[in-house]
C-alpha atoms as a PDB file:
ATOM      1  CA  UNK A   1       0.000   0.000   0.000  1.00  0.00           C
ATOM      2  CA  UNK A   2       1.095   3.558  -0.711  1.00  0.00           C
ATOM      3  CA  UNK A   3       1.379   4.922   2.817  1.00  0.00           C
ATOM      4  CA  UNK A   4       1.215   8.551   1.709  1.00  0.00           C
ATOM      5  CA  UNK A   5      -1.951   7.924  -0.330  1.00  0.00           C
ATOM      6  CA  UNK A   6      -3.457   6.126   2.660  1.00  0.00           C
ATOM      7  CA  UNK A   7      -2.718   9.108   4.899  1.00  0.00           C
ATOM      8  CA  UNK A   8      -4.313  11.501   2.422  1.00  0.00           C
ATOM      9  CA  UNK A   9      -7.454   9.367   2.235  1.00  0.00           C
ATOM     10  CA  UNK A  10      -7.713   9.030   6.012  1.00  0.00           C
ATOM     11  CA  UNK A  11      -7.320  12.789   6.325  1.00  0.00           C
ATOM     12  CA  UNK A  12     -10.442  13.231   4.197  1.00  0.00           C
ATOM     13  CA  UNK A  13     -12.360  10.467   5.952  1.00  0.00           C
ATOM     14  CA  UNK A  14     -11.638  11.850   9.424  1.00  0.00           C
ATOM     15  CA  UNK A  15     -11.777  15.553   8.523  1.00  0.00           C
ATOM     16  CA  UNK A  16      -8.321  15.687  10.059  1.00  0.00           C
ATOM     17  CA  UNK A  17      -5.519  18.224  10.005  1.00  0.00           C
ATOM     18  CA  UNK A  18      -1.894  17.111  10.232  1.00  0.00           C
ATOM     19  CA  UNK A  19       0.377  19.492  12.115  1.00  0.00           C
ATOM     20  CA  UNK A  20       4.128  18.851  11.986  1.00  0.00           C
ATOM     21  CA  UNK A  21       7.098  20.450  13.693  1.00  0.00           C
ATOM     22  CA  UNK A  22      10.144  21.537  11.721  1.00  0.00           C
ATOM     23  CA  UNK A  23      12.162  18.787  13.411  1.00  0.00           C
ATOM     24  CA  UNK A  24      10.109  15.931  11.960  1.00  0.00           C
ATOM     25  CA  UNK A  25      11.541  13.783   9.171  1.00  0.00           C
ATOM     26  CA  UNK A  26      11.171  15.354   5.733  1.00  0.00           C
ATOM     27  CA  UNK A  27       8.511  12.883   4.509  1.00  0.00           C
ATOM     28  CA  UNK A  28       6.217  13.826   7.381  1.00  0.00           C
ATOM     29  CA  UNK A  29       6.796  17.532   6.762  1.00  0.00           C
ATOM     30  CA  UNK A  30       5.824  17.041   3.120  1.00  0.00           C
ATOM     31  CA  UNK A  31       2.526  15.314   3.932  1.00  0.00           C
ATOM     32  CA  UNK A  32       1.516  17.753   6.689  1.00  0.00           C
ATOM     33  CA  UNK A  33      -1.091  20.481   6.238  1.00  0.00           C
ATOM     34  CA  UNK A  34       1.003  22.877   8.279  1.00  0.00           C
ATOM     35  CA  UNK A  35       4.673  22.837   9.307  1.00  0.00           C
ATOM     36  CA  UNK A  36       5.903  25.239  11.944  1.00  0.00           C
ATOM     37  CA  UNK A  37       7.532  25.962  15.274  1.00  0.00           C
ATOM     38  CA  UNK A  38       5.843  25.631  18.672  1.00  0.00           C
ATOM     39  CA  UNK A  39       4.158  29.049  18.563  1.00  0.00           C
ATOM     40  CA  UNK A  40       2.829  28.700  15.026  1.00  0.00           C
ATOM     41  CA  UNK A  41       1.614  25.155  15.717  1.00  0.00           C
ATOM     42  CA  UNK A  42      -0.232  26.297  18.851  1.00  0.00           C
ATOM     43  CA  UNK A  43      -1.838  29.096  16.865  1.00  0.00           C
ATOM     44  CA  UNK A  44      -2.891  26.646  14.154  1.00  0.00           C
ATOM     45  CA  UNK A  45      -4.279  24.238  16.754  1.00  0.00           C
ATOM     46  CA  UNK A  46      -6.298  27.023  18.328  1.00  0.00           C
ATOM     47  CA  UNK A  47      -8.031  28.053  15.113  1.00  0.00           C
ATOM     48  CA  UNK A  48      -8.468  24.738  13.270  1.00  0.00           C
ATOM     49  CA  UNK A  49     -11.949  23.661  12.205  1.00  0.00           C
ATOM     50  CA  UNK A  50     -10.916  20.032  11.714  1.00  0.00           C
ATOM     51  CA  UNK A  51     -12.532  17.303  13.824  1.00  0.00           C
ATOM     52  CA  UNK A  52      -9.250  15.485  14.369  1.00  0.00           C
ATOM     53  CA  UNK A  53      -5.793  16.954  15.060  1.00  0.00           C
ATOM     54  CA  UNK A  54      -2.900  14.658  14.194  1.00  0.00           C
ATOM     55  CA  UNK A  55       0.183  16.089  15.849  1.00  0.00           C
ATOM     56  CA  UNK A  56       3.519  15.063  14.402  1.00  0.00           C
ATOM     57  CA  UNK A  57       5.803  16.357  17.098  1.00  0.00           C
ATOM     58  CA  UNK A  58       6.420  15.408  20.704  1.00  0.00           C
ATOM     59  CA  UNK A  59       4.114  14.778  23.643  1.00  0.00           C
ATOM     60  CA  UNK A  60       3.958  18.298  25.092  1.00  0.00           C
ATOM     61  CA  UNK A  61       2.954  19.678  21.682  1.00  0.00           C
ATOM     62  CA  UNK A  62       0.010  17.289  21.428  1.00  0.00           C
ATOM     63  CA  UNK A  63      -0.920  18.238  25.006  1.00  0.00           C
ATOM     64  CA  UNK A  64      -0.962  21.886  23.953  1.00  0.00           C
ATOM     65  CA  UNK A  65      -3.337  21.061  21.099  1.00  0.00           C
ATOM     66  CA  UNK A  66      -5.634  19.197  23.503  1.00  0.00           C
ATOM     67  CA  UNK A  67      -5.565  22.044  26.037  1.00  0.00           C
ATOM     68  CA  UNK A  68      -6.766  24.378  23.281  1.00  0.00           C
ATOM     69  CA  UNK A  69      -9.250  21.865  21.804  1.00  0.00           C
ATOM     70  CA  UNK A  70     -10.830  19.810  24.621  1.00  0.00           C
ATOM     71  CA  UNK A  71     -13.614  18.475  22.413  1.00  0.00           C
ATOM     72  CA  UNK A  72     -11.453  17.392  19.485  1.00  0.00           C
ATOM     73  CA  UNK A  73      -9.691  14.081  18.998  1.00  0.00           C
ATOM     74  CA  UNK A  74      -5.915  14.656  19.235  1.00  0.00           C
ATOM     75  CA  UNK A  75      -3.675  11.887  17.906  1.00  0.00           C
ATOM     76  CA  UNK A  76       0.087  11.425  18.268  1.00  0.00           C
ATOM     77  CA  UNK A  77       1.857   8.849  16.058  1.00  0.00           C
ATOM     78  CA  UNK A  78       4.113   7.689  18.910  1.00  0.00           C
ATOM     79  CA  UNK A  79       3.087   8.345  22.504  1.00  0.00           C
ATOM     80  CA  UNK A  80       6.693   7.803  23.602  1.00  0.00           C
ATOM     81  CA  UNK A  81       7.852  10.852  21.636  1.00  0.00           C
ATOM     82  CA  UNK A  82       8.799  12.884  24.682  1.00  0.00           C
ATOM     83  CA  UNK A  83      11.096  15.837  25.347  1.00  0.00           C
ATOM     84  CA  UNK A  84      14.290  15.840  27.380  1.00  0.00           C
ATOM     85  CA  UNK A  85      13.683  19.428  28.482  1.00  0.00           C
ATOM     86  CA  UNK A  86      10.160  18.669  29.682  1.00  0.00           C
ATOM     87  CA  UNK A  87      11.340  15.477  31.401  1.00  0.00           C
ATOM     88  CA  UNK A  88      13.947  17.445  33.356  1.00  0.00           C
ATOM     89  CA  UNK A  89      11.242  19.590  34.942  1.00  0.00           C
ATOM     90  CA  UNK A  90       8.831  17.247  36.792  1.00  0.00           C
ATOM     91  CA  UNK A  91       5.758  18.976  38.276  1.00  0.00           C
ATOM     92  CA  UNK A  92       6.483  17.949  41.897  1.00  0.00           C
ATOM     93  CA  UNK A  93       9.998  19.397  42.152  1.00  0.00           C
ATOM     94  CA  UNK A  94       8.926  22.385  40.064  1.00  0.00           C
ATOM     95  CA  UNK A  95       6.101  23.189  42.496  1.00  0.00           C
ATOM     96  CA  UNK A  96       8.582  23.016  45.374  1.00  0.00           C
ATOM     97  CA  UNK A  97      10.922  25.349  43.460  1.00  0.00           C
ATOM     98  CA  UNK A  98       8.060  27.721  42.760  1.00  0.00           C
ATOM     99  CA  UNK A  99       6.964  27.682  46.421  1.00  0.00           C
ATOM    100  CA  UNK A 100      10.424  28.952  47.405  1.00  0.00           C
ATOM    101  CA  UNK A 101       9.750  32.061  45.271  1.00  0.00           C
ATOM    102  CA  UNK A 102       6.106  32.866  46.073  1.00  0.00           C
ATOM    103  CA  UNK A 103       6.301  36.478  44.915  1.00  0.00           C
ATOM    104  CA  UNK A 104       7.645  35.620  41.442  1.00  0.00           C
ATOM    105  CA  UNK A 105       5.719  35.760  38.163  1.00  0.00           C
ATOM    106  CA  UNK A 106       6.173  32.303  36.605  1.00  0.00           C
ATOM    107  CA  UNK A 107       7.170  32.267  32.927  1.00  0.00           C
ATOM    108  CA  UNK A 108       7.306  28.761  31.493  1.00  0.00           C
ATOM    109  CA  UNK A 109       8.688  27.667  28.151  1.00  0.00           C
ATOM    110  CA  UNK A 110       6.205  25.705  26.060  1.00  0.00           C
ATOM    111  CA  UNK A 111       8.584  22.700  26.191  1.00  0.00           C
ATOM    112  CA  UNK A 112       6.956  21.539  29.417  1.00  0.00           C
ATOM    113  CA  UNK A 113       4.204  19.211  30.590  1.00  0.00           C
ATOM    114  CA  UNK A 114       0.594  20.286  31.052  1.00  0.00           C
ATOM    115  CA  UNK A 115       1.076  19.859  34.816  1.00  0.00           C
ATOM    116  CA  UNK A 116       3.965  22.349  34.810  1.00  0.00           C
ATOM    117  CA  UNK A 117       2.043  24.747  32.570  1.00  0.00           C
ATOM    118  CA  UNK A 118      -0.787  24.615  35.119  1.00  0.00           C
ATOM    119  CA  UNK A 119       1.628  26.006  37.741  1.00  0.00           C
ATOM    120  CA  UNK A 120       2.571  28.960  35.512  1.00  0.00           C
ATOM    121  CA  UNK A 121       1.400  32.516  34.911  1.00  0.00           C
ATOM    122  CA  UNK A 122       2.277  32.680  31.215  1.00  0.00           C
ATOM    123  CA  UNK A 123       3.740  30.334  28.610  1.00  0.00           C
ATOM    124  CA  UNK A 124       6.378  31.412  26.078  1.00  0.00           C
ATOM    125  CA  UNK A 125       8.094  29.995  23.022  1.00  0.00           C
ATOM    126  CA  UNK A 126      11.523  30.865  21.682  1.00  0.00           C
ATOM    127  CA  UNK A 127       9.749  33.072  19.119  1.00  0.00           C
ATOM    128  CA  UNK A 128       7.990  35.272  21.658  1.00  0.00           C
ATOM    129  CA  UNK A 129       9.879  34.877  24.965  1.00  0.00           C
ATOM    130  CA  UNK A 130      11.656  38.243  24.714  1.00  0.00           C
ATOM    131  CA  UNK A 131       8.444  40.025  23.728  1.00  0.00           C
ATOM    132  CA  UNK A 132       6.385  38.478  26.531  1.00  0.00           C
ATOM    133  CA  UNK A 133       8.968  38.986  29.275  1.00  0.00           C
ATOM    134  CA  UNK A 134       9.204  42.624  28.175  1.00  0.00           C
ATOM    135  CA  UNK A 135       5.467  42.981  28.855  1.00  0.00           C
ATOM    136  CA  UNK A 136       5.805  41.960  32.509  1.00  0.00           C
ATOM    137  CA  UNK A 137       5.806  45.010  34.833  1.00  0.00           C
ATOM    138  CA  UNK A 138       9.329  46.027  35.829  1.00  0.00           C
ATOM    139  CA  UNK A 139       8.560  45.680  39.536  1.00  0.00           C
ATOM    140  CA  UNK A 140       7.570  42.016  39.219  1.00  0.00           C
ATOM    141  CA  UNK A 141      10.144  39.353  40.038  1.00  0.00           C
ATOM    142  CA  UNK A 142      10.306  36.577  37.434  1.00  0.00           C
ATOM    143  CA  UNK A 143      10.889  32.843  37.624  1.00  0.00           C
ATOM    144  CA  UNK A 144      11.762  31.272  34.267  1.00  0.00           C
ATOM    145  CA  UNK A 145      11.601  27.551  33.479  1.00  0.00           C
ATOM    146  CA  UNK A 146      12.641  25.065  32.321  1.00  0.00           C
ATOM    147  CA  UNK A 147      15.427  26.018  29.850  1.00  0.00           C
ATOM    148  CA  UNK A 148      18.243  27.907  31.562  1.00  0.00           C
ATOM    149  CA  UNK A 149      20.030  28.767  28.300  1.00  0.00           C
ATOM    150  CA  UNK A 150      16.948  30.348  26.749  1.00  0.00           C
ATOM    151  CA  UNK A 151      16.393  32.090  30.083  1.00  0.00           C
ATOM    152  CA  UNK A 152      19.879  33.609  30.058  1.00  0.00           C
ATOM    153  CA  UNK A 153      19.406  34.730  26.461  1.00  0.00           C
ATOM    154  CA  UNK A 154      16.099  36.422  27.377  1.00  0.00           C
ATOM    155  CA  UNK A 155      17.759  38.086  30.377  1.00  0.00           C
ATOM    156  CA  UNK A 156      20.457  39.481  28.094  1.00  0.00           C
ATOM    157  CA  UNK A 157      17.925  40.764  25.560  1.00  0.00           C
ATOM    158  CA  UNK A 158      15.499  42.317  28.060  1.00  0.00           C
ATOM    159  CA  UNK A 159      17.793  43.367  30.895  1.00  0.00           C
ATOM    160  CA  UNK A 160      15.451  41.583  33.327  1.00  0.00           C
ATOM    161  CA  UNK A 161      16.857  39.521  36.159  1.00  0.00           C
ATOM    162  CA  UNK A 162      15.179  36.112  36.477  1.00  0.00           C
ATOM    163  CA  UNK A 163      15.418  33.065  38.711  1.00  0.00           C
ATOM    164  CA  UNK A 164      16.151  30.129  36.396  1.00  0.00           C
ATOM    165  CA  UNK A 165      15.169  26.486  36.669  1.00  0.00           C
ATOM    166  CA  UNK A 166      18.359  24.522  35.758  1.00  0.00           C
ATOM    167  CA  UNK A 167      17.040  22.656  32.722  1.00  0.00           C
ATOM    168  CA  UNK A 168      18.379  22.180  29.205  1.00  0.00           C
ATOM    169  CA  UNK A 169      17.543  20.493  25.890  1.00  0.00           C
ATOM    170  CA  UNK A 170      19.649  17.411  25.163  1.00  0.00           C
ATOM    171  CA  UNK A 171      19.912  18.395  21.501  1.00  0.00           C
ATOM    172  CA  UNK A 172      20.953  21.997  21.928  1.00  0.00           C
ATOM    173  CA  UNK A 173      23.316  21.541  24.869  1.00  0.00           C
ATOM    174  CA  UNK A 174      25.634  19.085  23.078  1.00  0.00           C
ATOM    175  CA  UNK A 175      26.681  21.258  20.163  1.00  0.00           C
ATOM    176  CA  UNK A 176      30.459  21.354  20.113  1.00  0.00           C
ATOM    177  CA  UNK A 177      31.998  24.821  20.203  1.00  0.00           C
ATOM    178  CA  UNK A 178      35.320  23.352  19.006  1.00  0.00           C
ATOM    179  CA  UNK A 179      33.740  21.667  15.969  1.00  0.00           C
ATOM    180  CA  UNK A 180      31.699  24.797  15.232  1.00  0.00           C
ATOM    181  CA  UNK A 181      34.881  26.888  15.155  1.00  0.00           C
ATOM    182  CA  UNK A 182      36.422  24.339  12.791  1.00  0.00           C
ATOM    183  CA  UNK A 183      33.397  24.650  10.505  1.00  0.00           C
ATOM    184  CA  UNK A 184      33.727  28.441  10.523  1.00  0.00           C
ATOM    185  CA  UNK A 185      37.347  28.113   9.423  1.00  0.00           C
ATOM    186  CA  UNK A 186      36.342  25.699   6.645  1.00  0.00           C
ATOM    187  CA  UNK A 187      33.427  27.899   5.530  1.00  0.00           C
ATOM    188  CA  UNK A 188      34.415  31.533   6.205  1.00  0.00           C
ATOM    189  CA  UNK A 189      31.720  32.726   3.812  1.00  0.00           C
ATOM    190  CA  UNK A 190      28.903  31.161   5.872  1.00  0.00           C
ATOM    191  CA  UNK A 191      26.735  32.872   8.484  1.00  0.00           C
ATOM    192  CA  UNK A 192      26.328  30.955  11.727  1.00  0.00           C
ATOM    193  CA  UNK A 193      22.669  30.859  12.796  1.00  0.00           C
ATOM    194  CA  UNK A 194      21.737  29.379  16.176  1.00  0.00           C
ATOM    195  CA  UNK A 195      18.770  28.598  18.411  1.00  0.00           C
ATOM    196  CA  UNK A 196      18.754  30.365  21.819  1.00  0.00           C
ATOM    197  CA  UNK A 197      18.514  27.000  23.620  1.00  0.00           C
ATOM    198  CA  UNK A 198      22.213  26.530  22.793  1.00  0.00           C
ATOM    199  CA  UNK A 199      24.841  27.173  25.447  1.00  0.00           C
ATOM    200  CA  UNK A 200      26.324  30.679  25.677  1.00  0.00           C
ATOM    201  CA  UNK A 201      29.799  29.770  24.277  1.00  0.00           C
ATOM    202  CA  UNK A 202      28.113  28.433  21.125  1.00  0.00           C
ATOM    203  CA  UNK A 203      25.797  31.425  20.807  1.00  0.00           C
ATOM    204  CA  UNK A 204      28.824  33.731  21.002  1.00  0.00           C
ATOM    205  CA  UNK A 205      29.841  32.537  17.519  1.00  0.00           C
ATOM    206  CA  UNK A 206      26.439  33.181  15.922  1.00  0.00           C
ATOM    207  CA  UNK A 207      25.770  35.908  13.386  1.00  0.00           C
ATOM    208  CA  UNK A 208      22.050  35.500  14.105  1.00  0.00           C
ATOM    209  CA  UNK A 209      20.116  33.934  17.011  1.00  0.00           C
ATOM    210  CA  UNK A 210      16.444  33.071  16.738  1.00  0.00           C
ATOM    211  CA  UNK A 211      13.667  30.531  17.053  1.00  0.00           C
ATOM    212  CA  UNK A 212      13.363  27.787  14.479  1.00  0.00           C
ATOM    213  CA  UNK A 213      10.951  29.852  12.400  1.00  0.00           C
ATOM    214  CA  UNK A 214      13.096  32.965  12.732  1.00  0.00           C
ATOM    215  CA  UNK A 215      16.170  31.044  11.577  1.00  0.00           C
ATOM    216  CA  UNK A 216      14.229  29.852   8.530  1.00  0.00           C
ATOM    217  CA  UNK A 217      13.045  33.364   7.720  1.00  0.00           C
ATOM    218  CA  UNK A 218      16.581  34.712   8.115  1.00  0.00           C
ATOM    219  CA  UNK A 219      17.963  32.270   5.537  1.00  0.00           C
ATOM    220  CA  UNK A 220      15.258  33.320   3.076  1.00  0.00           C
ATOM    221  CA  UNK A 221      15.787  37.069   3.465  1.00  0.00           C
ATOM    222  CA  UNK A 222      19.583  37.110   3.867  1.00  0.00           C
ATOM    223  CA  UNK A 223      21.726  37.811   0.808  1.00  0.00           C
ATOM    224  CA  UNK A 224      24.176  35.236   2.147  1.00  0.00           C
ATOM    225  CA  UNK A 225      24.386  31.997   0.178  1.00  0.00           C
ATOM    226  CA  UNK A 226      25.779  29.692   2.876  1.00  0.00           C
ATOM    227  CA  UNK A 227      24.742  29.011   6.478  1.00  0.00           C
ATOM    228  CA  UNK A 228      26.002  26.898   9.366  1.00  0.00           C
ATOM    229  CA  UNK A 229      22.807  25.782  11.118  1.00  0.00           C
ATOM    230  CA  UNK A 230      23.080  25.309  14.891  1.00  0.00           C
ATOM    231  CA  UNK A 231      19.798  23.622  15.768  1.00  0.00           C
ATOM    232  CA  UNK A 232      18.069  20.316  15.094  1.00  0.00           C
ATOM    233  CA  UNK A 233      18.833  19.306  11.511  1.00  0.00           C
ATOM    234  CA  UNK A 234      15.197  18.742  10.527  1.00  0.00           C
ATOM    235  CA  UNK A 235      14.752  22.446   9.794  1.00  0.00           C
ATOM    236  CA  UNK A 236      17.226  22.200   6.912  1.00  0.00           C
ATOM    237  CA  UNK A 237      14.558  20.478   4.793  1.00  0.00           C
ATOM    238  CA  UNK A 238      12.390  23.625   4.877  1.00  0.00           C
ATOM    239  CA  UNK A 239      15.423  25.847   4.324  1.00  0.00           C
ATOM    240  CA  UNK A 240      16.308  23.896   1.173  1.00  0.00           C
ATOM    241  CA  UNK A 241      12.724  24.034  -0.081  1.00  0.00           C
ATOM    242  CA  UNK A 242      12.513  27.814   0.351  1.00  0.00           C
ATOM    243  CA  UNK A 243      16.070  28.599  -0.847  1.00  0.00           C
ATOM    244  CA  UNK A 244      17.107  25.796  -3.211  1.00  0.00           C
ATOM    245  CA  UNK A 245      20.163  27.660  -4.443  1.00  0.00           C
ATOM    246  CA  UNK A 246      21.694  28.153  -1.003  1.00  0.00           C
ATOM    247  CA  UNK A 247      23.961  25.882   1.058  1.00  0.00           C
ATOM    248  CA  UNK A 248      23.067  24.701   4.573  1.00  0.00           C
ATOM    249  CA  UNK A 249      25.676  23.036   6.769  1.00  0.00           C
ATOM    250  CA  UNK A 250      24.442  21.274   9.925  1.00  0.00           C
ATOM    251  CA  UNK A 251      26.550  22.035  12.985  1.00  0.00           C
ATOM    252  CA  UNK A 252      27.829  18.829  14.610  1.00  0.00           C
ATOM    253  CA  UNK A 253      27.249  17.802  18.230  1.00  0.00           C
ATOM    254  CA  UNK A 254      29.995  16.773  20.630  1.00  0.00           C
ATOM    255  CA  UNK A 255      30.014  13.171  19.426  1.00  0.00           C
ATOM    256  CA  UNK A 256      30.767  11.303  16.211  1.00  0.00           C
ATOM    257  CA  UNK A 257      27.615  12.415  14.364  1.00  0.00           C
ATOM    258  CA  UNK A 258      27.711  14.748  11.386  1.00  0.00           C
ATOM    259  CA  UNK A 259      24.508  16.510  12.434  1.00  0.00           C
ATOM    260  CA  UNK A 260      22.289  16.817  15.474  1.00  0.00           C
ATOM    261  CA  UNK A 261      18.892  15.082  15.534  1.00  0.00           C
ATOM    262  CA  UNK A 262      16.329  14.837  18.325  1.00  0.00           C
ATOM    263  CA  UNK A 263      15.728  11.126  19.022  1.00  0.00           C
ATOM    264  CA  UNK A 264      12.258  11.893  20.397  1.00  0.00           C
ATOM    265  CA  UNK A 265      11.133  13.794  17.297  1.00  0.00           C
ATOM    266  CA  UNK A 266      12.428  11.008  15.073  1.00  0.00           C
ATOM    267  CA  UNK A 267      10.247   8.363  16.786  1.00  0.00           C
ATOM    268  CA  UNK A 268       7.412   9.463  14.518  1.00  0.00           C
ATOM    269  CA  UNK A 269       7.423   7.803  11.088  1.00  0.00           C
ATOM    270  CA  UNK A 270       5.125   7.764   8.074  1.00  0.00           C
ATOM    271  CA  UNK A 271       3.998   4.247   8.958  1.00  0.00           C
ATOM    272  CA  UNK A 272       3.141   5.249  12.542  1.00  0.00           C
ATOM    273  CA  UNK A 273       1.331   8.313  11.227  1.00  0.00           C
ATOM    274  CA  UNK A 274      -0.815   6.124   8.967  1.00  0.00           C
ATOM    275  CA  UNK A 275      -1.578   3.581  11.716  1.00  0.00           C
ATOM    276  CA  UNK A 276      -2.528   6.199  14.290  1.00  0.00           C
ATOM    277  CA  UNK A 277      -5.023   7.739  11.849  1.00  0.00           C
ATOM    278  CA  UNK A 278      -6.367   4.338  10.794  1.00  0.00           C
ATOM    279  CA  UNK A 279      -6.800   3.113  14.382  1.00  0.00           C
ATOM    280  CA  UNK A 280      -7.500   6.523  15.994  1.00  0.00           C
ATOM    281  CA  UNK A 281      -4.858   5.785  18.590  1.00  0.00           C
ATOM    282  CA  UNK A 282      -2.692   6.716  20.452  1.00  0.00           C
ATOM    283  CA  UNK A 283      -4.857   9.621  21.509  1.00  0.00           C
ATOM    284  CA  UNK A 284      -4.028  12.441  23.878  1.00  0.00           C
ATOM    285  CA  UNK A 285      -6.438  12.977  26.765  1.00  0.00           C
ATOM    286  CA  UNK A 286      -6.213  15.303  29.786  1.00  0.00           C
ATOM    287  CA  UNK A 287      -8.154  15.535  33.025  1.00  0.00           C
ATOM    288  CA  UNK A 288     -10.596  18.486  32.718  1.00  0.00           C
ATOM    289  CA  UNK A 289      -9.251  20.267  35.822  1.00  0.00           C
ATOM    290  CA  UNK A 290      -5.651  19.971  34.619  1.00  0.00           C
ATOM    291  CA  UNK A 291      -6.616  21.143  31.150  1.00  0.00           C
ATOM    292  CA  UNK A 292      -8.413  24.184  32.521  1.00  0.00           C
ATOM    293  CA  UNK A 293      -5.511  25.122  34.791  1.00  0.00           C
ATOM    294  CA  UNK A 294      -3.031  24.839  31.918  1.00  0.00           C
ATOM    295  CA  UNK A 295      -5.323  26.715  29.534  1.00  0.00           C
ATOM    296  CA  UNK A 296      -5.141  30.096  31.321  1.00  0.00           C
ATOM    297  CA  UNK A 297      -1.358  30.720  30.957  1.00  0.00           C
ATOM    298  CA  UNK A 298      -1.372  29.283  27.432  1.00  0.00           C
ATOM    299  CA  UNK A 299      -4.236  31.540  26.402  1.00  0.00           C
ATOM    300  CA  UNK A 300      -2.382  34.484  27.919  1.00  0.00           C
ATOM    301  CA  UNK A 301       0.598  33.662  25.694  1.00  0.00           C
ATOM    302  CA  UNK A 302      -1.557  33.628  22.574  1.00  0.00           C
ATOM    303  CA  UNK A 303      -3.151  36.944  23.546  1.00  0.00           C
ATOM    304  CA  UNK A 304       0.202  38.597  24.339  1.00  0.00           C
ATOM    305  CA  UNK A 305       1.701  37.300  21.082  1.00  0.00           C
END
């Protein structure tokens, strides 16, 4: 059977929309109705008229879609597609951390569980974190979680002091500064573009720092013809589609790999996507009270964006 044809037919039968993150494998990106970063995907999930949302991303992203669409069926090709950053911020320890700073406004990165979102005042993505933190009154103390590297970047951009939860993304924290410098020597004509989840020594070499979507837009608008891409390599597929004449070089991690891929994102496959639509499982469900508690800070993010 032609898996792609089967997916297209099931999409019609279910009145489904397929949302895919930039870090998914290229075949999934090509079959999706919308490909984007966390903010854009949340915005698409909020306004969709489809009966079924098939989320090709990781668990917290499907949770976000369910928070925004309690009455829709939300499917995830592989329920084990988690997130190292979210896993490093369990709700119990996070609540204890929050309780130690009771007068702080809690800003939580979207890469977090619904239970952690429910303990927050506002959610942010890498696309809007600087903008949203800038909206918080200057006299309010801020607690930022769970990514400490994004938090430090936001502090630098806004001048706001924040208490940081000590979390990090397994993909973005293992980029090798040494190998990046070697790439710069080999490709002096290339701009280095990096995601703010990277560690500060890596970001110091970047010509441009931005969210996944912002990195993509930069490569389209820049007159440069060559880029060293310091984020998950899945985004390069969209960069090549939008700028076929340009060169994109994936920055290597601190291991033997030539590029850096998120093992959680890559759990989703075309075959799993087909089966989850055919069988309407695995599905994402949330307790109504948890969903409602997580909805308020997420809605605030969408309004402030």
